[in-house]
Amino acid sequence: MRKTVTTIVFCLAALVILTGCAGKVRSPSYYTLNLPAPPDSPAAGNAHATLSIHEFRAPAYLRQGSIAYKTSPEQIGFYAYRRWAMDPRDFVTNAILESLRGSGAFARVEPYDGSRDADYVLSGRLEKLEELDYQGSVKVQVAISAEMTSIATGAIVWSNAVSEIGNVDKREVPAVVSEMNRTMQRAIEKLVTALSAGWTAGSIGTQNPK
């Protein structure tokens, strides 16, 4: 009987300890970038070419879901409980697609579906999306590269790469994500403006500006 009572007491004590530990389990926080909606597409006018947007690629460390930071140019770390709610590749692809639709440079801009029902296809890579936490300050860096290929010839008719750095006011993740949002917006605007301006000026297709 005494052994049974001892066993029950031990089990109850273990249950209390486990319950207390479970109450301290930390859940991850999720973040997303939120760019303003692009303006409504202007009238097509002289725009006749159609464009497909291929899903942008990214380094493996940006596909893990955790927000990345660098404590030196060579060392990458990850926030254990701070994660992206959306794959950054999907975000960049959709944002560039909507921005190009709003530019009016092309008659139609659609996601790439593997078909040849477009004149050109734009592909690219999210090179960097990270916090820079060294040299006495906190910054963020966003870098994107892209190229446009002619479906008819397979030739690359345009390519460009942009990189933007923003300063973070507070050493906390929400402030870092907010600055990533602003820096991402500048990078995408720069990339889309370069493509739209080159296309409107007629330089794309005859040369490969950088």
Protein backbone atom coordinates (compact mmCIF):
# COMPACT_ATOMS: atom_id res chain seq x y z
CA MET A 1 0.00 0.00 0.00
CA ARG A 2 2.81 2.41 0.98
CA LYS A 3 4.54 1.62 -2.32
CA THR A 4 1.35 2.39 -4.26
CA VAL A 5 0.89 5.73 -2.49
CA THR A 6 4.52 6.64 -3.18
CA THR A 7 4.08 5.81 -6.86
CA ILE A 8 0.94 7.97 -7.09
CA VAL A 9 2.67 10.91 -5.41
CA PHE A 10 5.64 10.58 -7.74
CA CYS A 11 3.37 10.52 -10.80
CA LEU A 12 1.44 13.58 -9.63
CA ALA A 13 4.68 15.47 -9.01
CA ALA A 14 5.96 14.56 -12.48
CA LEU A 15 2.65 15.70 -14.01
CA VAL A 16 2.89 19.06 -12.25
CA ILE A 17 6.46 19.53 -13.51
CA LEU A 18 5.52 18.62 -17.07
CA THR A 19 2.51 20.93 -16.98
CA GLY A 20 4.71 23.77 -15.78
CA CYS A 21 7.22 23.12 -18.54
CA ALA A 22 4.49 22.99 -21.17
CA GLY A 23 3.29 26.40 -20.03
CA LYS A 24 6.71 27.83 -20.84
CA VAL A 25 6.86 26.53 -24.42
CA ARG A 26 7.56 29.46 -26.72
CA SER A 27 5.58 29.77 -29.93
CA PRO A 28 7.17 31.33 -33.00
CA SER A 29 6.14 34.78 -34.18
CA TYR A 30 5.44 35.21 -37.88
CA TYR A 31 6.17 38.27 -39.98
CA THR A 32 5.40 39.34 -43.52
CA LEU A 33 6.39 42.17 -45.83
CA ASN A 34 3.59 44.45 -46.94
CA LEU A 35 4.26 46.72 -49.89
CA PRO A 36 1.70 49.32 -50.97
CA ALA A 37 -0.48 48.31 -53.89
CA PRO A 38 0.85 49.53 -57.26
CA PRO A 39 -1.23 52.10 -59.14
CA ASP A 40 -3.87 50.93 -61.56
CA SER A 41 -2.46 49.92 -64.92
CA PRO A 42 -2.60 52.77 -67.45
CA ALA A 43 -4.14 52.29 -70.85
CA ALA A 44 -2.12 49.85 -72.94
CA GLY A 45 -1.40 52.44 -75.62
CA ASN A 46 1.45 51.20 -77.77
CA ALA A 47 2.27 48.27 -75.47
CA HIS A 48 1.96 45.06 -77.47
CA ALA A 49 4.49 42.65 -75.96
CA THR A 50 3.43 40.11 -73.35
CA LEU A 51 5.53 39.02 -70.39
CA SER A 52 5.55 35.96 -68.11
CA ILE A 53 7.09 36.11 -64.64
CA HIS A 54 8.94 32.98 -63.57
CA GLU A 55 9.12 32.25 -59.84
CA PHE A 56 12.19 33.96 -58.44
CA ARG A 57 14.89 31.80 -56.86
CA ALA A 58 16.78 32.38 -53.60
CA PRO A 59 19.76 30.94 -51.70
CA ALA A 60 18.99 27.93 -49.50
CA TYR A 61 19.36 29.91 -46.27
CA LEU A 62 16.52 32.24 -47.31
CA ARG A 63 14.23 29.29 -47.97
CA GLN A 64 14.35 27.93 -44.41
CA GLY A 65 11.63 30.25 -43.13
CA SER A 66 13.58 31.90 -40.29
CA ILE A 67 14.57 35.56 -40.48
CA ALA A 68 18.31 35.75 -41.12
CA TYR A 69 20.91 38.06 -39.65
CA LYS A 70 24.65 38.52 -40.04
CA THR A 71 27.01 39.21 -37.16
CA SER A 72 29.89 39.56 -39.64
CA PRO A 73 30.21 39.54 -43.43
CA GLU A 74 30.97 35.81 -43.25
CA GLN A 75 28.61 34.54 -40.51
CA ILE A 76 24.85 34.00 -40.90
CA GLY A 77 22.50 33.35 -37.98
CA PHE A 78 18.78 32.76 -37.69
CA TYR A 79 16.15 33.89 -35.20
CA ALA A 80 14.78 30.71 -33.63
CA TYR A 81 11.28 32.10 -33.03
CA ARG A 82 11.03 34.78 -35.71
CA ARG A 83 9.87 33.38 -39.03
CA TRP A 84 8.45 34.53 -42.35
CA ALA A 85 4.75 33.82 -42.81
CA MET A 86 5.27 33.68 -46.59
CA ASP A 87 8.10 32.27 -48.65
CA PRO A 88 10.21 35.32 -49.61
CA ARG A 89 10.47 33.97 -53.14
CA ASP A 90 6.70 34.07 -53.55
CA PHE A 91 6.54 37.55 -52.09
CA VAL A 92 9.18 38.99 -54.44
CA THR A 93 7.69 37.23 -57.49
CA ASN A 94 4.19 38.54 -56.79
CA ALA A 95 5.38 42.05 -55.94
CA ILE A 96 7.38 42.38 -59.17
CA LEU A 97 4.50 40.94 -61.21
CA GLU A 98 2.03 43.48 -59.78
CA SER A 99 4.51 46.34 -60.21
CA LEU A 100 5.09 45.48 -63.87
CA ARG A 101 1.35 45.24 -64.44
CA GLY A 102 1.01 48.71 -63.00
CA SER A 103 3.81 50.11 -65.16
CA GLY A 104 1.84 49.77 -68.39
CA ALA A 105 5.01 48.80 -70.27
CA PHE A 106 3.54 45.47 -71.38
CA ALA A 107 0.18 44.54 -72.83
CA ARG A 108 -0.11 41.58 -70.45
CA VAL A 109 1.91 40.36 -67.48
CA GLU A 110 1.10 36.92 -66.10
CA PRO A 111 2.75 34.23 -63.94
CA TYR A 112 4.85 31.79 -65.94
CA ASP A 113 3.00 28.48 -66.43
CA GLY A 114 5.49 26.67 -68.64
CA SER A 115 3.75 27.54 -71.90
CA ARG A 116 5.12 29.69 -74.71
CA ASP A 117 2.08 31.97 -74.69
CA ALA A 118 4.14 35.12 -74.12
CA ASP A 119 6.79 37.10 -75.95
CA TYR A 120 9.22 37.27 -73.03
CA VAL A 121 9.83 35.62 -69.68
CA LEU A 122 11.35 37.37 -66.67
CA SER A 123 13.27 35.27 -64.17
CA GLY A 124 15.41 36.31 -61.26
CA ARG A 125 16.82 35.69 -57.83
CA LEU A 126 16.37 37.19 -54.40
CA GLU A 127 20.05 37.43 -53.52
CA LYS A 128 19.82 38.91 -50.02
CA LEU A 129 17.16 39.61 -47.40
CA GLU A 130 18.93 39.92 -44.08
CA GLU A 131 19.75 41.97 -41.04
CA LEU A 132 23.32 43.29 -40.77
CA ASP A 133 24.21 43.42 -37.09
CA TYR A 134 27.84 44.48 -36.93
CA GLN A 135 30.11 47.53 -37.18
CA GLY A 136 28.23 49.19 -34.34
CA SER A 137 24.83 49.57 -36.01
CA VAL A 138 21.90 47.56 -37.30
CA LYS A 139 21.05 47.68 -41.00
CA VAL A 140 19.15 45.56 -43.48
CA GLN A 141 20.13 44.59 -47.01
CA VAL A 142 17.94 43.55 -49.92
CA ALA A 143 19.49 42.48 -53.23
CA ILE A 144 17.63 41.25 -56.32
CA SER A 145 18.83 40.24 -59.78
CA ALA A 146 16.69 39.58 -62.86
CA GLU A 147 16.90 38.88 -66.57
CA MET A 148 14.39 38.89 -69.41
CA THR A 149 14.56 36.29 -72.15
CA SER A 150 12.94 36.25 -75.57
CA ILE A 151 10.71 33.20 -75.93
CA ALA A 152 11.23 33.19 -79.72
CA THR A 153 15.02 33.27 -79.76
CA GLY A 154 16.06 32.20 -76.24
CA ALA A 155 18.33 35.24 -76.05
CA ILE A 156 18.66 37.33 -72.90
CA VAL A 157 17.54 40.82 -73.94
CA TRP A 158 17.83 42.55 -70.57
CA SER A 159 19.44 41.97 -67.19
CA ASN A 160 19.99 44.01 -64.07
CA ALA A 161 20.83 43.71 -60.38
CA VAL A 162 19.94 46.06 -57.55
CA SER A 163 21.01 46.26 -53.92
CA GLU A 164 19.58 48.51 -51.22
CA ILE A 165 20.60 49.03 -47.59
CA GLY A 166 18.41 50.57 -44.90
CA ASN A 167 19.16 51.76 -41.36
CA VAL A 168 17.23 50.27 -38.42
CA ASP A 169 16.24 52.64 -35.61
CA LYS A 170 15.66 50.05 -32.86
CA ARG A 171 17.42 46.79 -32.08
CA GLU A 172 14.27 44.69 -32.24
CA VAL A 173 12.81 42.34 -34.82
CA PRO A 174 9.63 44.35 -35.63
CA ALA A 175 11.79 47.38 -36.44
CA VAL A 176 14.07 45.20 -38.59
CA VAL A 177 11.12 43.81 -40.54
CA SER A 178 9.66 47.30 -41.05
CA GLU A 179 12.94 48.50 -42.51
CA MET A 180 13.18 45.37 -44.67
CA ASN A 181 9.77 46.32 -46.03
CA ARG A 182 10.88 49.82 -46.99
CA THR A 183 14.19 48.59 -48.39
CA MET A 184 12.47 45.87 -50.40
CA GLN A 185 10.11 48.46 -51.86
CA ARG A 186 13.01 50.63 -53.02
CA ALA A 187 14.80 47.65 -54.57
CA ILE A 188 11.73 46.47 -56.49
CA GLU A 189 10.92 49.99 -57.67
CA LYS A 190 14.48 50.43 -58.94
CA LEU A 191 14.42 47.11 -60.79
CA VAL A 192 10.97 47.61 -62.33
CA THR A 193 11.74 51.21 -63.31
CA ALA A 194 14.92 50.13 -65.09
CA LEU A 195 13.05 47.44 -67.04
CA SER A 196 10.05 49.61 -67.89
CA ALA A 197 12.17 52.61 -68.90
CA GLY A 198 14.45 50.48 -71.07
CA TRP A 199 11.51 48.83 -72.75
CA THR A 200 9.66 52.11 -73.37
CA ALA A 201 12.82 53.71 -74.78
CA GLY A 202 13.22 50.82 -77.21
CA SER A 203 16.67 49.82 -75.96
CA ILE A 204 15.62 46.34 -74.85
CA GLY A 205 15.84 43.71 -77.55
CA THR A 206 18.78 45.32 -79.30
CA GLN A 207 21.21 45.38 -76.40
CA ASN A 208 21.70 44.05 -72.90
CA PRO A 209 21.97 47.05 -70.56
CA LYS A 210 23.27 46.65 -67.03
